[in-house]
Amino acid sequence: MKSGRIEIHLYGTLRSLVPESRPDEDTVLWLDHVSGETFGALIVRMGLSSGDLGDCFIDGTLAKSSDAIPEGARVGLFPFNMVLLCGGQHLKGHGYTHTDVDVDYY
């Protein structure tokens, strides 16, 4: 972890955000941490839209647009064509195994 920064791991077609990235190596982009910035604001700052993305994570937890990005966070960004194989409904609050009703992904 680098102080004052966030570590963004890019997957699939999003690797193109890092020049000369290779699919057989980790593609990591380091950005300055912005205090109070949400996941949604980070995506805008990166020049992306929610339609560009599939399931994404902040420190291993499924990211919501309103989630704050802590300093030193590890963010995983997957493109729209890469989503959880099971659909991730247990993580997205379908109600059968999770009680977080404020989750709105679709």
N, C-alpha and C. Protein backbone atom coordinates (compact mmCIF):
# COMPACT_ATOMS: atom_id res chain seq x y z
N MET A 1 0.85 -1.20 0.00
CA MET A 1 0.00 0.00 0.00
C MET A 1 0.88 1.24 0.00
N LYS A 2 0.53 2.19 -0.80
CA LYS A 2 1.23 3.47 -0.83
C LYS A 2 0.34 4.50 -0.14
N SER A 3 0.91 5.26 0.79
CA SER A 3 0.15 6.25 1.54
C SER A 3 -0.45 7.30 0.61
N GLY A 4 -1.71 7.64 0.85
CA GLY A 4 -2.37 8.68 0.08
C GLY A 4 -2.81 8.24 -1.30
N ARG A 5 -2.78 6.94 -1.56
CA ARG A 5 -3.11 6.43 -2.89
C ARG A 5 -4.11 5.29 -2.78
N ILE A 6 -4.69 4.95 -3.91
CA ILE A 6 -5.52 3.76 -4.01
C ILE A 6 -4.98 2.90 -5.15
N GLU A 7 -5.11 1.60 -4.97
CA GLU A 7 -4.57 0.61 -5.90
C GLU A 7 -5.74 0.05 -6.70
N ILE A 8 -5.71 0.24 -8.01
CA ILE A 8 -6.83 -0.20 -8.85
C ILE A 8 -6.34 -1.31 -9.77
N HIS A 9 -6.92 -2.50 -9.58
CA HIS A 9 -6.60 -3.65 -10.42
C HIS A 9 -7.62 -3.72 -11.54
N LEU A 10 -7.12 -3.77 -12.76
CA LEU A 10 -7.96 -3.74 -13.96
C LEU A 10 -7.97 -5.11 -14.62
N TYR A 11 -9.15 -5.51 -15.08
CA TYR A 11 -9.32 -6.82 -15.69
C TYR A 11 -9.98 -6.70 -17.06
N GLY A 12 -9.78 -7.72 -17.89
CA GLY A 12 -10.42 -7.75 -19.20
C GLY A 12 -10.05 -6.54 -20.04
N THR A 13 -11.04 -6.02 -20.73
CA THR A 13 -10.81 -4.89 -21.64
C THR A 13 -10.38 -3.61 -20.92
N LEU A 14 -10.62 -3.54 -19.61
CA LEU A 14 -10.21 -2.35 -18.86
C LEU A 14 -8.70 -2.25 -18.72
N ARG A 15 -7.99 -3.33 -19.01
CA ARG A 15 -6.53 -3.29 -18.97
C ARG A 15 -5.98 -2.22 -19.93
N SER A 16 -6.76 -1.89 -20.95
CA SER A 16 -6.30 -0.91 -21.94
C SER A 16 -6.09 0.48 -21.32
N LEU A 17 -6.57 0.70 -20.11
CA LEU A 17 -6.34 1.98 -19.43
C LEU A 17 -4.87 2.16 -19.02
N VAL A 18 -4.13 1.06 -19.02
CA VAL A 18 -2.70 1.11 -18.70
C VAL A 18 -1.94 0.73 -19.96
N PRO A 19 -1.22 1.68 -20.56
CA PRO A 19 -0.48 1.40 -21.79
C PRO A 19 0.47 0.21 -21.62
N GLU A 20 0.53 -0.62 -22.62
CA GLU A 20 1.43 -1.78 -22.68
C GLU A 20 1.14 -2.82 -21.60
N SER A 21 -0.08 -2.86 -21.08
CA SER A 21 -0.43 -3.89 -20.10
C SER A 21 -0.53 -5.23 -20.82
N ARG A 22 -0.34 -6.31 -20.07
CA ARG A 22 -0.38 -7.65 -20.65
C ARG A 22 -1.36 -8.51 -19.87
N PRO A 23 -2.09 -9.40 -20.55
CA PRO A 23 -3.07 -10.24 -19.86
C PRO A 23 -2.45 -11.29 -18.96
N ASP A 24 -1.15 -11.54 -19.09
CA ASP A 24 -0.50 -12.54 -18.24
C ASP A 24 0.20 -11.90 -17.04
N GLU A 25 -0.04 -10.63 -16.81
CA GLU A 25 0.52 -9.92 -15.66
C GLU A 25 -0.58 -9.09 -15.00
N ASP A 26 -0.40 -8.79 -13.70
CA ASP A 26 -1.34 -7.90 -13.02
C ASP A 26 -1.30 -6.53 -13.68
N THR A 27 -2.47 -5.94 -13.88
CA THR A 27 -2.55 -4.59 -14.42
C THR A 27 -3.05 -3.70 -13.30
N VAL A 28 -2.16 -2.88 -12.77
CA VAL A 28 -2.47 -2.06 -11.61
C VAL A 28 -2.25 -0.60 -11.95
N LEU A 29 -3.23 0.20 -11.58
CA LEU A 29 -3.18 1.65 -11.76
C LEU A 29 -3.22 2.27 -10.37
N TRP A 30 -2.31 3.16 -10.08
CA TRP A 30 -2.29 3.86 -8.79
C TRP A 30 -2.85 5.26 -9.00
N LEU A 31 -3.84 5.63 -8.19
CA LEU A 31 -4.40 6.98 -8.24
C LEU A 31 -4.32 7.61 -6.86
N ASP A 32 -4.27 8.93 -6.83
CA ASP A 32 -4.30 9.64 -5.55
C ASP A 32 -5.64 9.42 -4.88
N HIS A 33 -5.61 9.24 -3.58
CA HIS A 33 -6.84 9.12 -2.80
C HIS A 33 -7.48 10.49 -2.66
N VAL A 34 -8.78 10.55 -2.83
CA VAL A 34 -9.55 11.78 -2.63
C VAL A 34 -10.47 11.53 -1.44
N SER A 35 -10.28 12.28 -0.39
CA SER A 35 -11.07 12.10 0.82
C SER A 35 -12.56 12.23 0.54
N GLY A 36 -13.34 11.24 0.98
CA GLY A 36 -14.79 11.27 0.82
C GLY A 36 -15.29 10.83 -0.55
N GLU A 37 -14.37 10.49 -1.45
CA GLU A 37 -14.79 10.09 -2.80
C GLU A 37 -15.53 8.75 -2.76
N THR A 38 -16.62 8.68 -3.49
CA THR A 38 -17.39 7.44 -3.58
C THR A 38 -16.90 6.62 -4.78
N PHE A 39 -17.32 5.37 -4.80
CA PHE A 39 -16.99 4.51 -5.93
C PHE A 39 -17.52 5.11 -7.24
N GLY A 40 -18.74 5.62 -7.21
CA GLY A 40 -19.32 6.25 -8.40
C GLY A 40 -18.51 7.43 -8.88
N ALA A 41 -18.03 8.25 -7.95
CA ALA A 41 -17.21 9.42 -8.33
C ALA A 41 -15.85 8.99 -8.87
N LEU A 42 -15.29 7.93 -8.31
CA LEU A 42 -14.02 7.41 -8.81
C LEU A 42 -14.16 6.96 -10.26
N ILE A 43 -15.25 6.28 -10.56
CA ILE A 43 -15.48 5.80 -11.92
C ILE A 43 -15.56 6.99 -12.90
N VAL A 44 -16.26 8.04 -12.51
CA VAL A 44 -16.35 9.24 -13.34
C VAL A 44 -14.97 9.87 -13.51
N ARG A 45 -14.21 9.95 -12.41
CA ARG A 45 -12.86 10.53 -12.48
C ARG A 45 -11.98 9.75 -13.45
N MET A 46 -12.21 8.45 -13.56
CA MET A 46 -11.42 7.61 -14.46
C MET A 46 -11.92 7.68 -15.90
N GLY A 47 -13.01 8.41 -16.14
CA GLY A 47 -13.54 8.54 -17.49
C GLY A 47 -14.39 7.36 -17.91
N LEU A 48 -14.90 6.61 -16.93
CA LEU A 48 -15.74 5.44 -17.19
C LEU A 48 -17.18 5.74 -16.81
N SER A 49 -18.08 4.85 -17.22
CA SER A 49 -19.48 4.94 -16.80
C SER A 49 -19.88 3.59 -16.21
N SER A 50 -20.99 3.55 -15.50
CA SER A 50 -21.44 2.29 -14.89
C SER A 50 -21.70 1.24 -15.96
N GLY A 51 -22.08 1.65 -17.18
CA GLY A 51 -22.31 0.72 -18.26
C GLY A 51 -21.05 0.03 -18.76
N ASP A 52 -19.88 0.60 -18.44
CA ASP A 52 -18.60 0.00 -18.82
C ASP A 52 -18.21 -1.15 -17.89
N LEU A 53 -18.86 -1.23 -16.73
CA LEU A 53 -18.41 -2.11 -15.67
C LEU A 53 -19.33 -3.28 -15.40
N GLY A 54 -18.72 -4.37 -14.96
CA GLY A 54 -19.44 -5.52 -14.43
C GLY A 54 -19.43 -5.42 -12.92
N ASP A 55 -19.21 -6.55 -12.25
CA ASP A 55 -19.11 -6.55 -10.79
C ASP A 55 -17.74 -6.06 -10.39
N CYS A 56 -17.68 -5.11 -9.45
CA CYS A 56 -16.43 -4.51 -9.00
C CYS A 56 -16.36 -4.60 -7.48
N PHE A 57 -15.15 -4.45 -6.95
CA PHE A 57 -14.92 -4.68 -5.54
C PHE A 57 -14.04 -3.61 -4.92
N ILE A 58 -14.31 -3.32 -3.65
CA ILE A 58 -13.45 -2.46 -2.84
C ILE A 58 -12.98 -3.31 -1.67
N ASP A 59 -11.68 -3.53 -1.59
CA ASP A 59 -11.10 -4.38 -0.55
C ASP A 59 -11.84 -5.71 -0.42
N GLY A 60 -12.18 -6.31 -1.55
CA GLY A 60 -12.80 -7.64 -1.57
C GLY A 60 -14.30 -7.67 -1.36
N THR A 61 -14.93 -6.52 -1.20
CA THR A 61 -16.37 -6.44 -0.99
C THR A 61 -17.02 -5.83 -2.22
N LEU A 62 -18.12 -6.41 -2.66
CA LEU A 62 -18.84 -5.91 -3.82
C LEU A 62 -19.13 -4.42 -3.66
N ALA A 63 -18.75 -3.63 -4.65
CA ALA A 63 -18.84 -2.17 -4.57
C ALA A 63 -20.21 -1.67 -5.00
N LYS A 64 -20.72 -0.70 -4.26
CA LYS A 64 -21.91 0.06 -4.63
C LYS A 64 -21.45 1.46 -5.00
N SER A 65 -22.19 2.13 -5.83
CA SER A 65 -21.84 3.48 -6.28
C SER A 65 -21.63 4.44 -5.11
N SER A 66 -22.40 4.27 -4.05
CA SER A 66 -22.34 5.20 -2.91
C SER A 66 -21.25 4.86 -1.89
N ASP A 67 -20.53 3.75 -2.07
CA ASP A 67 -19.49 3.36 -1.12
C ASP A 67 -18.31 4.32 -1.17
N ALA A 68 -17.85 4.74 0.01
CA ALA A 68 -16.66 5.59 0.10
C ALA A 68 -15.41 4.74 -0.14
N ILE A 69 -14.42 5.33 -0.78
CA ILE A 69 -13.16 4.66 -1.05
C ILE A 69 -12.17 5.08 0.04
N PRO A 70 -11.76 4.15 0.91
CA PRO A 70 -10.80 4.54 1.95
C PRO A 70 -9.39 4.68 1.40
N GLU A 71 -8.58 5.47 2.09
CA GLU A 71 -7.18 5.61 1.70
C GLU A 71 -6.52 4.24 1.73
N GLY A 72 -5.71 3.94 0.73
CA GLY A 72 -5.00 2.67 0.67
C GLY A 72 -5.85 1.51 0.18
N ALA A 73 -7.06 1.78 -0.28
CA ALA A 73 -7.96 0.72 -0.73
C ALA A 73 -7.42 0.01 -1.96
N ARG A 74 -7.82 -1.25 -2.07
CA ARG A 74 -7.57 -2.02 -3.29
C ARG A 74 -8.92 -2.16 -3.99
N VAL A 75 -9.00 -1.63 -5.20
CA VAL A 75 -10.24 -1.64 -5.97
C VAL A 75 -10.04 -2.58 -7.16
N GLY A 76 -10.99 -3.47 -7.38
CA GLY A 76 -10.96 -4.36 -8.53
C GLY A 76 -12.04 -3.95 -9.52
N LEU A 77 -11.65 -3.60 -10.73
CA LEU A 77 -12.60 -3.18 -11.75
C LEU A 77 -12.68 -4.23 -12.85
N PHE A 78 -13.88 -4.75 -13.06
CA PHE A 78 -14.14 -5.72 -14.11
C PHE A 78 -15.05 -5.09 -15.15
N PRO A 79 -14.84 -5.37 -16.44
CA PRO A 79 -15.67 -4.78 -17.49
C PRO A 79 -17.08 -5.37 -17.49
N PHE A 80 -17.97 -4.75 -18.24
CA PHE A 80 -19.38 -5.12 -18.30
C PHE A 80 -19.60 -6.59 -18.66
N ASN A 81 -18.68 -7.18 -19.39
CA ASN A 81 -18.85 -8.57 -19.80
C ASN A 81 -18.20 -9.57 -18.85
N MET A 82 -17.81 -9.10 -17.67
CA MET A 82 -17.24 -9.98 -16.65
C MET A 82 -18.01 -9.76 -15.35
N VAL A 83 -18.92 -10.71 -15.05
CA VAL A 83 -19.72 -10.63 -13.82
C VAL A 83 -19.57 -11.94 -13.06
N LEU A 84 -20.02 -11.96 -11.82
CA LEU A 84 -19.95 -13.16 -11.00
C LEU A 84 -20.68 -14.30 -11.70
N LEU A 85 -20.06 -15.47 -11.76
CA LEU A 85 -20.65 -16.61 -12.47
C LEU A 85 -22.03 -16.98 -11.96
N CYS A 86 -22.22 -16.90 -10.65
CA CYS A 86 -23.51 -17.28 -10.08
C CYS A 86 -24.51 -16.12 -10.14
N GLY A 87 -24.08 -15.02 -10.70
CA GLY A 87 -24.92 -13.83 -10.73
C GLY A 87 -24.75 -13.00 -9.47
N GLY A 88 -24.12 -13.58 -8.44
CA GLY A 88 -23.82 -12.86 -7.21
C GLY A 88 -25.04 -12.39 -6.44
N GLN A 89 -26.18 -13.03 -6.67
CA GLN A 89 -27.41 -12.55 -6.04
C GLN A 89 -27.32 -12.57 -4.52
N HIS A 90 -26.56 -13.51 -3.94
CA HIS A 90 -26.42 -13.52 -2.48
C HIS A 90 -25.64 -12.30 -2.00
N LEU A 91 -24.79 -11.73 -2.86
CA LEU A 91 -24.06 -10.51 -2.51
C LEU A 91 -24.85 -9.25 -2.84
N LYS A 92 -25.78 -9.37 -3.79
CA LYS A 92 -26.50 -8.20 -4.30
C LYS A 92 -27.84 -7.98 -3.61
N GLY A 93 -28.13 -8.77 -2.60
CA GLY A 93 -29.32 -8.50 -1.78
C GLY A 93 -30.61 -9.02 -2.34
N HIS A 94 -30.63 -10.23 -2.93
CA HIS A 94 -31.88 -10.76 -3.48
C HIS A 94 -32.88 -11.13 -2.39
N GLY A 95 -32.43 -11.20 -1.14
CA GLY A 95 -33.36 -11.45 -0.04
C GLY A 95 -33.36 -12.87 0.49
N TYR A 96 -32.84 -13.82 -0.25
CA TYR A 96 -32.83 -15.20 0.21
C TYR A 96 -31.76 -15.46 1.25
N THR A 97 -30.58 -14.92 1.06
CA THR A 97 -29.49 -15.15 2.00
C THR A 97 -28.87 -13.86 2.52
N HIS A 98 -29.41 -12.72 2.12
CA HIS A 98 -28.82 -11.44 2.50
C HIS A 98 -29.95 -10.47 2.80
N THR A 99 -29.77 -9.65 3.81
CA THR A 99 -30.85 -8.74 4.22
C THR A 99 -30.60 -7.29 3.82
N ASP A 100 -29.54 -7.01 3.06
CA ASP A 100 -29.22 -5.65 2.65
C ASP A 100 -30.15 -5.22 1.52
N VAL A 101 -31.26 -4.57 1.88
CA VAL A 101 -32.28 -4.24 0.89
C VAL A 101 -31.99 -2.97 0.10
N ASP A 102 -30.95 -2.21 0.49
CA ASP A 102 -30.68 -0.97 -0.24
C ASP A 102 -29.80 -1.20 -1.48
N VAL A 103 -29.41 -2.43 -1.74
CA VAL A 103 -28.58 -2.74 -2.90
C VAL A 103 -29.44 -2.70 -4.15
N ASP A 104 -29.01 -1.91 -5.13
CA ASP A 104 -29.76 -1.78 -6.38
C ASP A 104 -28.79 -1.81 -7.54
N TYR A 105 -28.55 -3.00 -8.08
CA TYR A 105 -27.57 -3.14 -9.15
C TYR A 105 -28.20 -3.21 -10.52
N TYR A 106 -29.48 -3.66 -10.62
CA TYR A 106 -30.07 -3.84 -11.94
C TYR A 106 -31.41 -3.16 -12.04
